[in-house]
Protein backbone atom coordinates (compact mmCIF):
# COMPACT_ATOMS: atom_id res chain seq x y z
CA MET A 1 75.40 40.93 44.86
CA ARG A 2 78.52 41.63 46.91
CA ASN A 3 80.09 45.14 47.12
CA ARG A 4 83.67 45.40 45.94
CA GLY A 5 86.31 47.53 47.69
CA PHE A 6 87.62 48.23 51.16
CA THR A 7 85.67 48.98 54.25
CA LEU A 8 86.68 52.01 56.28
CA ILE A 9 88.23 49.81 58.98
CA GLU A 10 90.31 47.88 56.45
CA LEU A 11 91.54 51.16 54.95
CA LEU A 12 92.52 52.49 58.40
CA ILE A 13 94.40 49.28 59.19
CA VAL A 14 96.32 49.46 55.90
CA ILE A 15 97.16 53.15 56.45
CA SER A 16 98.38 52.48 60.00
CA ILE A 17 100.55 49.54 58.85
CA VAL A 18 102.06 51.68 56.07
CA ALA A 19 102.71 54.51 58.57
CA VAL A 20 104.48 52.15 61.00
CA LEU A 21 106.58 50.65 58.20
CA PHE A 22 107.45 54.15 56.96
CA GLY A 23 108.50 55.21 60.46
CA VAL A 24 110.71 52.15 60.92
CA GLY A 25 112.20 52.60 57.45
CA LEU A 26 112.92 56.28 58.05
CA GLU A 27 114.59 55.49 61.39
CA ARG A 28 116.80 52.91 59.66
CA LEU A 29 117.65 55.29 56.84
CA LEU A 30 118.75 58.03 59.26
CA ARG A 31 120.78 55.52 61.25
CA TYR A 32 122.54 54.25 58.13
CA GLN A 33 123.25 57.80 56.99
CA GLU A 34 124.91 58.55 60.33
CA MET A 35 126.87 55.30 60.11
CA GLY A 36 128.09 56.38 56.68
CA GLU A 37 129.08 59.80 57.98
CA ARG A 38 130.99 58.20 60.87
CA ALA A 39 132.80 55.87 58.45
CA ALA A 40 133.76 58.82 56.21
CA VAL A 41 135.18 60.76 59.20
CA GLU A 42 137.11 57.71 60.40
CA GLN A 43 138.46 57.14 56.87
CA ASN A 44 139.71 60.73 56.60
CA VAL A 45 141.34 60.59 60.03
CA ALA A 46 143.00 57.26 59.15
CA ALA A 47 144.30 58.69 55.86
CA ILE A 48 145.78 61.65 57.74
CA ASN A 49 147.41 59.29 60.25
CA VAL A 50 148.98 57.29 57.40
CA ALA A 51 150.22 60.49 55.78
CA LEU A 52 151.73 61.63 59.10
CA ASN A 53 153.47 58.27 59.51
CA MET A 54 154.86 58.52 55.97
CA LYS A 55 156.14 62.04 56.65
CA PHE A 56 157.73 60.82 59.90
CA ALA A 57 159.36 57.90 58.07
CA ALA A 58 160.75 60.30 55.47
CA TYR A 59 162.27 62.44 58.23
CA VAL A 60 163.79 59.34 59.87
CA VAL A 61 165.28 58.16 56.56
CA ARG A 62 166.81 61.62 56.02
CA GLY A 63 168.31 61.47 59.50
CA ARG A 64 166.16 64.29 60.88
CA PRO A 65 163.49 62.59 63.04
CA ALA A 66 163.16 65.64 65.31
CA ALA A 67 161.87 67.63 62.31
CA ILE A 68 158.48 65.94 62.76
CA GLN A 69 157.97 68.42 65.60
CA SER A 70 157.30 71.03 62.88
CA GLU A 71 154.11 69.18 61.85
CA VAL A 72 152.45 69.82 65.23
CA GLY A 73 149.92 72.62 64.81
CA LYS A 74 150.13 72.59 61.01
CA ASN A 75 147.34 71.67 58.64
CA PRO A 76 147.52 67.88 58.14
CA VAL A 77 145.26 67.99 55.08
CA GLY A 78 148.24 69.32 53.14
CA LEU A 79 149.91 65.93 53.58
CA LEU A 80 147.14 64.14 51.69
CA ALA A 81 147.43 63.49 47.96
CA ARG A 82 143.90 64.86 47.61
CA SER A 83 141.93 66.79 50.19
CA PRO A 84 138.40 65.60 51.09
CA GLU A 85 135.67 66.81 48.72
CA ASN A 86 133.93 68.59 51.59
CA TYR A 87 137.08 70.47 52.71
CA LEU A 88 136.49 74.22 52.93
CA GLY A 89 140.13 75.24 53.35
CA GLU A 90 141.99 77.19 56.00
CA LEU A 91 139.74 79.61 57.89
CA PHE A 92 140.48 81.92 60.78
CA SER A 93 138.01 81.42 63.65
CA PRO A 94 134.88 81.12 61.46
CA ASP A 95 131.30 81.28 62.68
CA ILE A 96 130.33 77.59 62.72
CA LYS A 97 126.66 78.37 62.12
CA SER A 98 127.46 79.97 58.75
CA LEU A 99 129.36 76.94 57.42
CA PRO A 100 127.71 73.96 55.73
CA ARG A 101 127.30 70.85 57.89
CA GLY A 102 129.30 67.81 56.86
CA SER A 103 132.36 69.92 56.05
CA TRP A 104 136.00 69.96 57.14
CA TYR A 105 138.11 73.07 57.64
CA PHE A 106 141.41 73.96 59.29
CA ASP A 107 141.08 76.63 61.99
CA LEU A 108 144.13 78.88 61.71
CA SER A 109 143.40 80.54 65.06
CA ASN A 110 144.14 77.41 67.12
CA GLY A 111 145.64 74.81 64.76
CA ASP A 112 142.65 72.43 64.86
CA LEU A 113 141.25 70.42 62.00
CA VAL A 114 137.48 70.69 62.43
CA TYR A 115 134.62 68.55 61.15
CA LEU A 116 131.02 69.79 61.35
CA PRO A 117 128.83 66.68 61.61
CA ASN A 118 125.52 66.52 59.79
CA ARG A 119 123.94 64.09 62.19
CA ARG A 120 124.68 64.00 65.91
CA ARG A 121 122.09 61.60 67.26
CA TYR A 122 124.61 58.91 68.27
CA LEU A 123 127.48 61.34 68.86
CA SER A 124 128.46 62.26 72.39
CA SER A 125 131.15 64.17 74.20
CA GLY A 126 131.57 65.13 77.84
CA ASP A 127 128.49 67.37 77.87
CA GLY A 128 126.21 66.18 75.07
CA PRO A 129 126.59 66.03 71.31
CA PRO A 130 129.32 68.44 70.14
CA GLU A 131 128.67 71.06 67.48
CA ALA A 132 132.05 70.27 65.90
CA LEU A 133 134.66 67.54 66.08
CA ARG A 134 138.14 68.98 66.59
CA PHE A 135 141.35 67.17 65.76
CA ARG A 136 144.97 68.17 66.30
CA VAL A 137 148.33 66.72 65.30
CA VAL A 138 150.19 65.64 68.45
CA LEU A 139 153.26 63.57 69.22
CA ALA A 140 152.85 60.30 71.07
CA PRO A 141 154.58 60.34 74.45
CA VAL A 142 157.49 57.93 74.77
CA ARG A 143 159.29 56.51 77.78
CA ASN A 144 162.88 55.71 77.02
CA GLU A 145 164.15 53.21 79.56
CA PRO A 146 167.88 52.98 80.24
CA GLY A 147 169.44 50.11 78.30
CA GLU A 148 166.51 49.92 75.86
CA PRO A 149 166.54 51.20 72.27
CA HIS A 150 165.72 54.90 72.00
CA GLU A 151 162.14 55.48 70.85
CA LEU A 152 161.11 58.50 68.83
CA PRO A 153 157.85 60.39 69.39
CA GLN A 154 155.53 59.58 66.50
CA PRO A 155 152.87 61.98 65.24
CA PHE A 156 149.19 61.14 65.10
CA ILE A 157 145.94 63.02 64.89
CA ALA A 158 143.90 63.09 68.10
CA ALA A 159 140.39 64.29 68.88
CA ASN A 160 140.34 67.30 71.19
CA PRO A 161 138.14 66.87 73.22
CA PRO A 162 137.54 63.14 72.86
CA PHE A 163 134.15 62.02 71.57
CA LYS A 164 132.20 58.81 71.04
CA TRP A 165 130.13 57.98 67.98
CA VAL A 166 128.34 54.83 69.08
CA ILE A 167 125.79 53.35 66.71
CA ASP A 168 124.49 49.87 67.62
């Protein structure tokens, strides 16, 4: 009569296969979570850029294009119809370690819009992964050539310092 069940070697092989599959699955899950976080940050920055362009267009229509200068250093989240769900508000030089990761806030001390990333595995700056991503409203430089139509400096939100979030 034949014994039913697994041998110890078969059980070890099954456990090792499950462990390898779990490791690969967990790696993929973390990668996809970081890709989602990157997409959410890019979406918020794009929405702010659209809002800045709309504000600039409104100033141009009113005949006051130079008034866009007043938006530099101000909180750009106020231009959005609805602030991000993870927006903490305007804070004055907060301790980053005490704030929840994955949150936005506007730093009143220096005029930066700050995002605190949850995952920083694929995030890099000049000297390693940054603790926070800082953005600021700036005006695009223009070169007005003689005889050409006069260009106006347009506002946009720029990372300060620049960073890369590269996920294969």
